[in-house]
Protein backbone atom coordinates (compact mmCIF):
# COMPACT_ATOMS: atom_id res chain seq x y z
CA UNK A 1 105.00 97.96 91.58
CA UNK A 2 101.93 95.69 91.46
CA UNK A 3 99.37 96.55 88.79
CA UNK A 4 96.49 96.07 91.22
CA UNK A 5 97.52 99.20 93.16
CA UNK A 6 98.49 101.78 90.53
CA UNK A 7 98.30 104.80 92.84
CA UNK A 8 100.29 103.22 95.60
CA UNK A 9 104.00 103.92 95.95
CA UNK A 10 106.71 102.58 98.18
CA UNK A 11 108.70 104.71 100.59
CA UNK A 12 111.94 103.52 99.01
CA UNK A 13 111.31 105.27 95.71
CA UNK A 14 111.30 108.79 94.38
CA UNK A 15 108.76 110.24 91.94
CA UNK A 16 110.23 111.00 88.53
CA UNK A 17 107.30 111.11 86.05
CA UNK A 18 103.81 109.82 85.26
CA UNK A 19 103.53 107.01 82.71
CA UNK A 20 100.13 106.06 81.20
CA UNK A 21 99.14 102.42 81.51
CA UNK A 22 97.52 100.44 78.66
CA UNK A 23 94.31 100.16 80.71
CA UNK A 24 94.04 103.92 81.26
CA UNK A 25 95.60 104.01 84.74
CA UNK A 26 98.45 106.36 85.43
CA UNK A 27 101.38 104.52 86.93
CA UNK A 28 103.98 106.56 88.72
CA UNK A 29 107.44 105.84 87.35
CA UNK A 30 109.77 105.65 90.30
CA UNK A 31 113.49 106.05 90.58
CA UNK A 32 114.92 103.52 92.96
CA UNK A 33 117.75 104.45 95.24
CA UNK A 34 119.94 101.50 96.08
CA UNK A 35 122.63 100.87 98.65
CA UNK A 36 124.80 98.11 97.18
CA UNK A 37 127.77 96.61 98.96
CA UNK A 38 130.23 98.67 96.90
CA UNK A 39 128.84 101.83 98.57
CA UNK A 40 129.48 100.48 102.08
CA UNK A 41 132.55 100.52 104.25
CA UNK A 42 132.75 96.96 105.51
CA UNK A 43 136.29 96.16 106.60
CA UNK A 44 138.23 97.29 109.63
CA UNK A 45 140.94 98.73 107.34
CA UNK A 46 138.39 100.91 105.58
CA UNK A 47 137.05 102.27 108.87
CA UNK A 48 140.51 102.94 110.32
CA UNK A 49 141.60 104.68 107.11
CA UNK A 50 138.71 107.14 107.44
CA UNK A 51 139.22 107.62 111.19
CA UNK A 52 142.97 108.17 110.70
CA UNK A 53 142.27 111.24 108.56
CA UNK A 54 140.80 112.95 111.65
CA UNK A 55 138.33 115.08 109.71
CA UNK A 56 135.46 115.03 112.17
CA UNK A 57 132.21 116.96 112.29
CA UNK A 58 129.78 116.62 115.14
CA UNK A 59 126.46 117.90 116.41
CA UNK A 60 124.37 116.83 119.37
CA UNK A 61 123.26 113.60 117.72
CA UNK A 62 125.89 112.28 115.31
CA UNK A 63 129.60 112.39 114.62
CA UNK A 64 130.71 112.23 110.99
CA UNK A 65 134.24 111.28 109.91
CA UNK A 66 135.19 112.10 106.31
CA UNK A 67 138.01 110.99 104.01
CA UNK A 68 138.55 111.16 100.26
CA UNK A 69 138.42 107.99 98.19
CA UNK A 70 139.37 107.07 94.63
CA UNK A 71 136.11 105.25 93.85
CA UNK A 72 134.20 108.12 92.28
CA UNK A 73 131.18 107.52 94.52
CA UNK A 74 130.51 108.04 98.20
CA UNK A 75 130.63 105.15 100.68
CA UNK A 76 129.15 104.89 104.17
CA UNK A 77 130.18 103.08 107.31
CA UNK A 78 128.08 103.05 110.48
CA UNK A 79 129.33 102.34 113.98
CA UNK A 80 127.00 102.23 116.98
CA UNK A 81 128.49 101.39 120.37
CA UNK A 82 126.90 99.24 123.03
CA UNK A 83 126.23 102.31 125.15
CA UNK A 84 123.41 103.20 122.74
CA UNK A 85 121.30 100.33 124.01
CA UNK A 86 120.58 96.69 123.39
CA UNK A 87 121.04 95.02 120.01
CA UNK A 88 117.53 95.79 118.75
CA UNK A 89 118.00 99.51 119.47
CA UNK A 90 121.46 99.59 117.88
CA UNK A 91 120.23 97.79 114.76
CA UNK A 92 117.32 100.21 114.40
CA UNK A 93 119.68 103.18 114.68
CA UNK A 94 121.97 101.66 112.04
CA UNK A 95 119.00 101.15 109.72
CA UNK A 96 117.96 104.80 110.20
CA UNK A 97 121.46 106.04 109.39
CA UNK A 98 121.79 103.85 106.30
CA UNK A 99 118.34 104.90 105.09
CA UNK A 100 119.22 108.60 105.50
CA UNK A 101 122.32 108.02 103.38
CA UNK A 102 120.48 105.94 100.79
CA UNK A 103 117.65 108.42 100.24
CA UNK A 104 119.95 111.45 100.00
CA UNK A 105 122.74 110.10 97.78
CA UNK A 106 122.12 112.82 95.20
CA UNK A 107 122.78 115.56 97.79
CA UNK A 108 125.99 113.97 99.08
CA UNK A 109 129.24 114.74 97.24
CA UNK A 110 130.76 111.72 95.52
CA UNK A 111 134.34 110.60 96.01
CA UNK A 112 134.20 110.62 99.81
CA UNK A 113 134.03 107.98 102.54
CA UNK A 114 131.78 108.72 105.51
CA UNK A 115 131.76 107.02 108.90
CA UNK A 116 128.81 107.85 111.15
CA UNK A 117 128.94 107.37 114.91
CA UNK A 118 126.80 108.50 117.77
CA UNK A 119 127.96 111.61 119.62
CA UNK A 120 128.59 111.34 123.32
CA UNK A 121 127.53 114.14 125.64
CA UNK A 122 128.19 114.33 129.36
CA UNK A 123 125.90 116.39 131.50
CA UNK A 124 127.31 118.83 134.07
CA UNK A 125 126.25 116.69 137.04
CA UNK A 126 128.06 113.65 135.60
CA UNK A 127 131.21 115.70 135.06
CA UNK A 128 131.13 116.87 138.68
CA UNK A 129 130.61 113.35 140.04
CA UNK A 130 133.04 111.50 137.80
CA UNK A 131 135.91 113.39 136.19
CA UNK A 132 137.14 110.31 134.31
CA UNK A 133 136.32 110.10 130.63
CA UNK A 134 135.16 106.49 130.87
CA UNK A 135 131.67 107.40 132.05
CA UNK A 136 129.84 108.71 129.02
CA UNK A 137 126.19 108.95 128.20
CA UNK A 138 125.14 109.04 124.57
CA UNK A 139 122.86 111.77 123.32
CA UNK A 140 120.52 109.03 122.14
CA UNK A 141 120.05 107.86 125.72
CA UNK A 142 119.57 111.46 126.85
CA UNK A 143 116.92 111.90 124.17
CA UNK A 144 115.25 108.66 125.21
CA UNK A 145 115.22 109.67 128.86
CA UNK A 146 113.74 113.06 128.04
CA UNK A 147 111.05 111.88 125.63
CA UNK A 148 110.98 108.13 126.17
CA UNK A 149 111.64 107.55 122.44
CA UNK A 150 114.71 107.11 120.23
CA UNK A 151 115.35 109.75 117.55
CA UNK A 152 113.08 109.82 114.53
CA UNK A 153 114.16 109.34 110.95
CA UNK A 154 113.71 113.06 110.26
CA UNK A 155 116.02 113.97 113.16
CA UNK A 156 118.68 111.55 111.94
CA UNK A 157 118.31 112.73 108.33
CA UNK A 158 118.58 116.44 109.11
CA UNK A 159 121.52 115.83 111.43
CA UNK A 160 123.34 113.77 108.79
CA UNK A 161 122.72 116.27 105.99
CA UNK A 162 123.82 119.22 108.13
CA UNK A 163 127.07 117.42 108.96
CA UNK A 164 127.68 116.62 105.28
CA UNK A 165 127.11 120.29 104.40
CA UNK A 166 129.53 121.37 107.14
CA UNK A 167 132.15 118.98 105.79
CA UNK A 168 131.56 120.32 102.27
CA UNK A 169 132.11 123.94 103.35
CA UNK A 170 135.23 122.89 105.26
CA UNK A 171 136.53 121.11 102.15
CA UNK A 172 135.95 124.24 100.07
CA UNK A 173 137.71 126.39 102.68
CA UNK A 174 140.75 124.10 102.79
CA UNK A 175 140.97 124.05 98.98
CA UNK A 176 140.87 127.84 98.84
CA UNK A 177 143.57 128.08 101.52
CA UNK A 178 145.86 125.66 99.70
CA UNK A 179 145.24 127.23 96.27
CA UNK A 180 144.59 130.99 96.44
CA UNK A 181 143.80 131.15 92.68
CA UNK A 182 140.40 129.42 93.20
């Protein structure tokens, strides 16, 4: 943090404590959340391994696939299809999803791989016109048509955290079913 702006803080940090400066200013000590390459799913094998587990949780905005890993920390993979829009829109959505993961790493259970995708929703009129499953409209496009804007960071963050919590409760339920002594 530059010394010329002691009260200013970046959005990428979290407040941990106040530290006095030698000149009498109070500098906010920040905890940085990082998203290094080791916390990302990058290869096709890693994505297919998570998708093959078929543990899926979905809401109107996102679909979350979950699989255990042996790393001891959680990893994230993001997949946005071309139906979400042009490259600039897709890249912005990917940045929003990665940022939601990065800022909430402490709330996410470690030892799991997560793959985030956009959910697809078909309206009733589209189902009546075209029964094939090829014609799909993403919920992002529906949201953009309704409001003219893509989803906000807060919408993406709350959707992601709710899906992680649903996966956590499902994991606890499956552990209790497999081991009744818990």
